[in-house]
Amino acid sequence: MTSLPKPHLFRPEDSRPLRWGIFGAGWIAEQMIKTAQKNSRQNFVAVASRTPGKAETFAKTFGIADFYASYEELAARPDIDVIYIGTLPSNRLEVALIAINAGKHVLIEKPITMDVSEAAQIYAAAKAKKVLAVEAMWTRFLPHMDIARQLVADGAIGDVELVVSSFCQANLGVARLYTLGGGNPIIDMGIYPIALSQEFLGEPSEIHGFGKLHHNEIDEETHAFMRFESGARSNFVLSARTSMPITAAISGPKGSISFGPPWFSSTSVTLHGNGLNEPLATWSDESGLVEHLGLIHQVNAFAQYVEAGLLEAPLYTHRESLANIKTALTIGSQIGTRFK
């Protein structure tokens, strides 16, 4: 049996404790703080929401000392190092600039915005203020993805030629996805398969997309095909209407690497040879940090990047973030989805 490399882990003991504030008190902020309070040394001291009563309820639920109805008031606190931004994509430029202009590092939920120019403004402002700004593409920080990167770098499957993935989850009941400004499925969910292709193939030179629209002209389902300058190919199916196993694989002339399911949370990675032979080796995450508990890896990584004085994440750069939004918007325009 072939042995797989060990993953690089962003361990809590290697991450200096920082004092965090939170903008937005919705579902994703709840998922993030649930794992961070249990699996890190980070200190969450304040939360803000413009929705009356929401910050207070969130603070009481998670034992946070202070809560605010104003983002500006929280950001003005001199004892806050980092602000996690989990508001709706439609207002992230505004609220991110509040935090950045106050000199705070920012971890901004994906999609960072639904507009390339707005995202570029955020990154430019952060660099001008010399603070770290990272889009929370948590898949990049997961251990099974690190193993895959090592295998590709070592030539285990040769040059990657094909990336295939699916993300199909019955989300018709998630009203936010079908509300303008809430994050259409193609950018809220689709950013995952787009980022997977980009991680191993770079930016596409050719994009073809078609899909099915909701009655309000927001996308429900997308089929996308991409070609790259190297001649490599990628395709994915994305559905917020129906569910199926959430699988992904990358392949080259020597074999392939498969993930999950679900591949975008920390599950497993398997190295395959060619043909119908048995898998060569599998690594499975036995840490218990499954599903959204895996958000902790990016939290610990972020703290380490702050300590190192970095202004962007090496595993997910500003250029990559902007390129992913551009690709999602291009596919969306081909489908005919509404973004505004």
Protein backbone atom coordinates (compact mmCIF):
# COMPACT_ATOMS: atom_id res chain seq x y z
CA MET A 1 0.00 0.00 0.00
CA THR A 2 1.32 3.42 -0.96
CA SER A 3 1.67 5.85 1.95
CA LEU A 4 0.26 9.35 1.79
CA PRO A 5 2.05 12.45 3.11
CA LYS A 6 0.95 13.83 6.45
CA PRO A 7 -1.18 16.97 6.29
CA HIS A 8 0.05 20.30 7.56
CA LEU A 9 -2.26 21.28 10.41
CA PHE A 10 -2.98 24.78 11.69
CA ARG A 11 -2.87 23.84 15.36
CA PRO A 12 -4.40 26.02 18.07
CA GLU A 13 -1.23 25.85 20.15
CA ASP A 14 0.69 27.44 17.27
CA SER A 15 -1.78 30.30 16.93
CA ARG A 16 -1.39 33.35 19.17
CA PRO A 17 -4.66 34.29 20.89
CA LEU A 18 -6.24 37.36 19.33
CA ARG A 19 -9.23 39.42 20.42
CA TRP A 20 -12.04 39.10 17.89
CA GLY A 21 -15.16 41.07 17.13
CA ILE A 22 -17.97 39.77 14.92
CA PHE A 23 -20.03 41.73 12.38
CA GLY A 24 -23.33 39.93 11.75
CA ALA A 25 -25.08 37.43 14.00
CA GLY A 26 -26.52 34.98 11.50
CA TRP A 27 -26.14 31.27 10.83
CA ILE A 28 -22.59 31.27 9.48
CA ALA A 29 -21.31 33.35 12.41
CA GLU A 30 -22.89 30.78 14.72
CA GLN A 31 -21.10 27.93 12.94
CA MET A 32 -17.78 29.73 13.11
CA ILE A 33 -17.92 30.62 16.79
CA LYS A 34 -19.19 27.18 17.83
CA THR A 35 -16.01 25.54 16.59
CA ALA A 36 -13.66 28.42 17.43
CA GLN A 37 -14.67 28.53 21.09
CA LYS A 38 -14.20 24.78 21.41
CA ASN A 39 -11.15 24.20 19.21
CA SER A 40 -8.97 27.31 19.39
CA ARG A 41 -7.37 29.74 21.82
CA GLN A 42 -8.99 32.75 20.13
CA ASN A 43 -10.94 35.19 22.28
CA PHE A 44 -14.30 36.49 21.03
CA VAL A 45 -15.18 39.61 22.97
CA ALA A 46 -17.86 41.53 21.04
CA VAL A 47 -20.55 41.12 18.39
CA ALA A 48 -22.52 43.69 16.39
CA SER A 49 -25.70 43.46 14.34
CA ARG A 50 -27.98 46.13 12.92
CA THR A 51 -31.00 43.87 13.44
CA PRO A 52 -32.59 44.93 16.77
CA GLY A 53 -31.92 42.42 19.55
CA LYS A 54 -29.93 40.01 17.41
CA ALA A 55 -26.46 40.88 18.73
CA GLU A 56 -27.68 40.66 22.33
CA THR A 57 -29.19 37.22 21.76
CA PHE A 58 -26.03 36.03 20.01
CA ALA A 59 -23.83 37.37 22.82
CA LYS A 60 -25.88 35.64 25.52
CA THR A 61 -25.95 32.38 23.58
CA PHE A 62 -22.18 32.23 23.14
CA GLY A 63 -21.00 33.97 26.30
CA ILE A 64 -19.67 37.09 24.58
CA ALA A 65 -19.19 40.02 26.92
CA ASP A 66 -20.27 42.94 24.74
CA PHE A 67 -22.78 43.54 21.96
CA TYR A 68 -23.58 46.51 19.74
CA ALA A 69 -26.22 47.69 17.29
CA SER A 70 -23.50 49.63 15.45
CA TYR A 71 -20.56 48.22 13.50
CA GLU A 72 -18.75 51.53 13.86
CA GLU A 73 -18.97 51.39 17.66
CA LEU A 74 -17.50 47.88 17.82
CA ALA A 75 -14.75 48.73 15.32
CA ALA A 76 -13.73 51.80 17.35
CA ARG A 77 -12.66 49.65 20.28
CA PRO A 78 -8.86 49.78 20.58
CA ASP A 79 -8.67 46.31 22.17
CA ILE A 80 -10.07 44.45 19.11
CA ASP A 81 -7.46 42.83 16.82
CA VAL A 82 -9.63 41.07 14.24
CA ILE A 83 -13.17 41.35 12.95
CA TYR A 84 -14.94 38.38 11.40
CA ILE A 85 -17.53 39.58 8.88
CA GLY A 86 -20.54 37.35 8.35
CA THR A 87 -23.06 39.89 7.01
CA LEU A 88 -24.88 39.54 3.69
CA PRO A 89 -22.68 39.83 0.56
CA SER A 90 -24.59 42.93 -0.57
CA ASN A 91 -23.20 45.09 2.24
CA ARG A 92 -19.76 43.56 2.76
CA LEU A 93 -17.89 46.39 1.04
CA GLU A 94 -19.45 48.91 3.42
CA VAL A 95 -18.91 46.94 6.61
CA ALA A 96 -15.47 45.65 5.65
CA LEU A 97 -14.29 49.23 5.12
CA ILE A 98 -15.62 50.16 8.56
CA ALA A 99 -13.39 47.49 10.10
CA ILE A 100 -10.36 48.11 7.87
CA ASN A 101 -10.43 51.89 8.30
CA ALA A 102 -10.42 51.27 12.05
CA GLY A 103 -7.17 49.33 11.60
CA LYS A 104 -8.61 45.86 12.17
CA HIS A 105 -7.59 42.66 10.39
CA VAL A 106 -10.59 41.10 8.63
CA LEU A 107 -11.71 37.54 7.89
CA ILE A 108 -14.61 38.00 5.47
CA GLU A 109 -17.10 35.25 4.75
CA LYS A 110 -17.31 33.96 1.20
CA PRO A 111 -18.30 35.24 -1.25
CA ILE A 112 -16.42 38.32 -0.10
CA THR A 113 -18.71 40.36 -2.36
CA MET A 114 -20.81 39.77 -5.45
CA ASP A 115 -18.84 42.34 -7.44
CA VAL A 116 -15.20 42.18 -8.53
CA SER A 117 -14.59 45.92 -8.18
CA GLU A 118 -16.00 45.93 -4.63
CA ALA A 119 -13.72 43.06 -3.63
CA ALA A 120 -10.75 44.87 -5.18
CA GLN A 121 -11.62 47.95 -3.11
CA ILE A 122 -11.59 45.88 0.08
CA TYR A 123 -8.18 44.38 -0.67
CA ALA A 124 -6.69 47.72 -1.72
CA ALA A 125 -7.95 49.39 1.47
CA ALA A 126 -6.54 46.58 3.61
CA LYS A 127 -3.10 46.82 2.03
CA ALA A 128 -3.13 50.61 2.44
CA LYS A 129 -3.93 50.18 6.14
CA LYS A 130 -1.42 47.29 6.40
CA VAL A 131 -3.97 44.85 7.80
CA LEU A 132 -4.62 41.25 6.79
CA ALA A 133 -7.73 40.67 4.67
CA VAL A 134 -8.77 37.10 3.81
CA GLU A 135 -11.86 35.73 2.12
CA ALA A 136 -13.00 32.78 4.20
CA MET A 137 -12.49 30.05 1.59
CA TRP A 138 -12.22 27.45 4.33
CA THR A 139 -11.63 24.50 1.98
CA ARG A 140 -8.11 25.74 1.25
CA PHE A 141 -7.12 25.22 4.88
CA LEU A 142 -8.49 21.70 5.34
CA PRO A 143 -5.99 18.86 5.93
CA HIS A 144 -7.19 16.58 3.11
CA MET A 145 -6.68 19.40 0.61
CA ASP A 146 -3.16 19.89 1.90
CA ILE A 147 -2.44 16.21 1.24
CA ALA A 148 -3.77 16.58 -2.32
CA ARG A 149 -1.53 19.60 -2.94
CA GLN A 150 1.48 17.64 -1.72
CA LEU A 151 0.64 14.69 -3.97
CA VAL A 152 0.31 16.95 -7.01
CA ALA A 153 3.54 18.77 -6.18
CA ASP A 154 5.34 15.42 -5.86
CA GLY A 155 4.07 14.32 -9.29
CA ALA A 156 1.99 11.43 -7.95
CA ILE A 157 -0.61 11.79 -10.73
CA GLY A 158 1.43 13.82 -13.21
CA ASP A 159 0.23 17.20 -14.47
CA VAL A 160 -3.42 17.72 -13.56
CA GLU A 161 -5.54 17.51 -16.71
CA LEU A 162 -9.08 17.19 -15.43
CA VAL A 163 -11.06 18.44 -12.41
CA VAL A 164 -14.63 17.20 -11.94
CA SER A 165 -16.90 18.08 -9.02
CA SER A 166 -20.49 18.31 -7.87
CA PHE A 167 -22.27 20.34 -5.22
CA CYS A 168 -25.95 19.47 -5.21
CA GLN A 169 -27.95 20.27 -2.09
CA ALA A 170 -31.71 20.87 -1.90
CA ASN A 171 -31.68 24.48 -0.71
CA LEU A 172 -34.92 25.80 -2.14
CA GLY A 173 -35.98 26.53 1.43
CA VAL A 174 -33.00 28.87 2.02
CA ALA A 175 -34.70 32.17 1.19
CA ARG A 176 -31.44 34.13 1.30
CA LEU A 177 -30.15 32.34 -1.82
CA TYR A 178 -33.17 33.53 -3.79
CA THR A 179 -33.12 37.11 -2.52
CA LEU A 180 -31.17 39.66 -4.53
CA GLY A 181 -28.00 40.55 -2.63
CA GLY A 182 -28.20 37.44 -0.46
CA GLY A 183 -25.73 35.44 -2.55
CA ASN A 184 -27.02 33.55 -5.59
CA PRO A 185 -26.26 29.80 -5.62
CA ILE A 186 -23.74 30.23 -8.45
CA ILE A 187 -21.57 32.47 -6.28
CA ASP A 188 -22.53 31.35 -2.75
CA MET A 189 -22.25 27.60 -3.48
CA GLY A 190 -20.56 27.64 -6.87
CA ILE A 191 -17.50 29.41 -5.55
CA TYR A 192 -16.41 26.05 -4.06
CA PRO A 193 -16.11 24.04 -7.29
CA ILE A 194 -14.71 27.11 -9.07
CA ALA A 195 -12.03 27.47 -6.40
CA LEU A 196 -11.23 23.75 -6.61
CA SER A 197 -10.59 23.99 -10.35
CA GLN A 198 -8.55 27.15 -9.88
CA GLU A 199 -6.42 25.61 -7.15
CA PHE A 200 -5.08 22.93 -9.47
CA LEU A 201 -5.47 24.49 -12.94
CA GLY A 202 -5.37 28.27 -12.53
CA GLU A 203 -7.79 30.64 -14.23
CA PRO A 204 -9.91 29.37 -17.14
CA SER A 205 -9.39 30.67 -20.67
CA GLU A 206 -12.76 29.39 -21.88
CA ILE A 207 -16.06 29.07 -19.98
CA HIS A 208 -19.38 27.53 -21.01
CA GLY A 209 -22.36 27.46 -18.68
CA PHE A 210 -26.03 26.63 -18.82
CA GLY A 211 -28.61 26.02 -16.14
CA LYS A 212 -32.07 26.38 -14.68
CA LEU A 213 -33.46 29.62 -13.26
CA HIS A 214 -35.80 30.17 -10.31
CA HIS A 215 -39.07 31.99 -11.05
CA ASN A 216 -37.40 35.26 -9.99
CA GLU A 217 -34.51 34.69 -12.46
CA ILE A 218 -31.97 33.70 -9.80
CA ASP A 219 -30.12 30.49 -10.67
CA GLU A 220 -31.24 27.17 -9.20
CA GLU A 221 -28.93 24.84 -11.09
CA THR A 222 -25.73 25.25 -13.11
CA HIS A 223 -23.64 23.06 -15.39
CA ALA A 224 -20.26 24.60 -16.19
CA PHE A 225 -17.44 23.53 -18.49
CA MET A 226 -14.04 25.24 -18.50
CA ARG A 227 -10.86 24.96 -20.52
CA PHE A 228 -7.42 26.24 -19.49
CA GLU A 229 -4.37 27.53 -21.35
CA SER A 230 -2.57 24.24 -20.67
CA GLY A 231 -5.33 22.36 -22.47
CA ALA A 232 -6.68 21.00 -19.16
CA ARG A 233 -10.42 20.78 -18.58
CA SER A 234 -12.83 21.15 -15.68
CA ASN A 235 -16.55 20.72 -15.23
CA PHE A 236 -18.99 20.84 -12.36
CA VAL A 237 -22.69 20.50 -11.65
CA LEU A 238 -24.20 22.77 -9.02
CA SER A 239 -27.77 22.47 -7.83
CA ALA A 240 -29.58 24.30 -5.06
CA ARG A 241 -32.73 22.46 -6.13
CA THR A 242 -31.86 18.76 -5.73
CA SER A 243 -29.38 16.74 -3.68
CA MET A 244 -26.86 14.06 -4.59
CA PRO A 245 -23.53 12.90 -3.12
CA ILE A 246 -21.11 15.84 -3.11
CA THR A 247 -18.06 14.42 -4.85
CA ALA A 248 -14.89 15.69 -6.51
CA ALA A 249 -11.75 14.34 -8.13
CA ILE A 250 -8.70 15.54 -10.02
CA SER A 251 -6.75 13.42 -12.49
CA GLY A 252 -3.61 13.26 -14.56
CA PRO A 253 -1.80 10.72 -16.75
CA LYS A 254 -0.54 8.68 -13.77
CA GLY A 255 -3.77 8.43 -11.79
CA SER A 256 -6.28 10.47 -9.83
CA ILE A 257 -7.14 11.90 -6.42
CA SER A 258 -10.69 11.82 -5.07
CA PHE A 259 -12.24 13.64 -2.10
CA GLY A 260 -15.08 13.16 0.31
CA PRO A 261 -18.01 13.20 0.12
CA PRO A 262 -18.71 15.94 0.94
CA TRP A 263 -15.45 17.04 -0.60
CA PHE A 264 -15.45 20.67 0.60
CA SER A 265 -15.42 19.71 4.29
CA SER A 266 -12.68 17.69 5.95
CA THR A 267 -13.54 14.09 5.11
CA SER A 268 -11.04 11.99 3.17
CA VAL A 269 -8.63 11.94 0.25
CA THR A 270 -7.78 8.87 -1.85
CA LEU A 271 -4.98 8.30 -4.32
CA HIS A 272 -5.91 6.07 -7.27
CA GLY A 273 -3.87 4.53 -10.05
CA ASN A 274 -5.20 4.11 -13.58
CA GLY A 275 -7.67 1.45 -14.57
CA LEU A 276 -10.05 -0.48 -12.34
CA ASN A 277 -7.54 -1.35 -9.63
CA GLU A 278 -8.05 -0.84 -5.90
CA PRO A 279 -7.29 2.60 -4.43
CA LEU A 280 -3.60 2.95 -3.60
CA ALA A 281 -4.08 4.79 -0.32
CA THR A 282 -6.69 6.75 1.66
CA TRP A 283 -6.41 9.32 4.43
CA SER A 284 -9.52 9.96 6.52
CA ASP A 285 -9.99 12.78 8.97
CA GLU A 286 -10.36 11.20 12.41
CA SER A 287 -10.13 14.45 14.36
CA GLY A 288 -13.88 14.82 14.68
CA LEU A 289 -13.67 18.26 13.04
CA VAL A 290 -16.15 17.35 10.34
CA GLU A 291 -18.60 19.48 8.40
CA HIS A 292 -18.60 23.10 9.64
CA LEU A 293 -16.42 22.26 12.63
CA GLY A 294 -13.68 22.41 9.98
CA LEU A 295 -14.03 26.19 9.90
CA ILE A 296 -11.52 26.15 12.74
CA HIS A 297 -8.59 25.49 10.40
CA GLN A 298 -8.96 28.87 8.71
CA VAL A 299 -9.38 30.61 12.09
CA ASN A 300 -6.11 29.15 13.39
CA ALA A 301 -4.39 29.87 10.08
CA PHE A 302 -5.59 33.47 10.17
CA ALA A 303 -4.13 33.99 13.64
CA GLN A 304 -0.80 32.58 12.45
CA TYR A 305 -0.80 34.87 9.42
CA VAL A 306 -1.45 37.90 11.65
CA GLU A 307 1.47 36.86 13.86
CA ALA A 308 3.68 36.59 10.75
CA GLY A 309 2.69 40.07 9.58
CA LEU A 310 1.13 38.86 6.32
CA LEU A 311 -1.31 41.00 4.36
CA GLU A 312 -2.91 38.12 2.44
CA ALA A 313 -3.22 34.37 2.83
CA PRO A 314 -0.63 32.32 0.91
CA LEU A 315 -3.22 29.54 0.47
CA TYR A 316 -5.84 31.90 -0.99
CA THR A 317 -4.48 35.13 -2.37
CA HIS A 318 -6.34 38.28 -3.26
CA ARG A 319 -5.75 37.57 -6.96
CA GLU A 320 -7.32 34.12 -6.62
CA SER A 321 -10.29 35.53 -4.74
CA LEU A 322 -10.95 38.16 -7.41
CA ALA A 323 -10.55 35.59 -10.20
CA ASN A 324 -13.07 33.25 -8.58
CA ILE A 325 -15.70 35.99 -8.31
CA LYS A 326 -15.07 36.94 -11.94
CA THR A 327 -15.54 33.33 -13.07
CA ALA A 328 -18.75 32.92 -11.04
CA LEU A 329 -20.19 36.12 -12.50
CA THR A 330 -19.24 35.05 -16.02
CA ILE A 331 -21.01 31.71 -15.61
CA GLY A 332 -24.00 33.46 -14.05
CA SER A 333 -24.26 35.87 -16.98
CA GLN A 334 -24.25 32.95 -19.43
CA ILE A 335 -27.11 31.33 -17.51
CA GLY A 336 -29.00 34.62 -17.41
CA THR A 337 -29.21 34.86 -13.64
CA ARG A 338 -29.98 38.15 -11.91
CA PHE A 339 -27.47 39.51 -9.42
CA LYS A 340 -29.06 42.93 -8.81
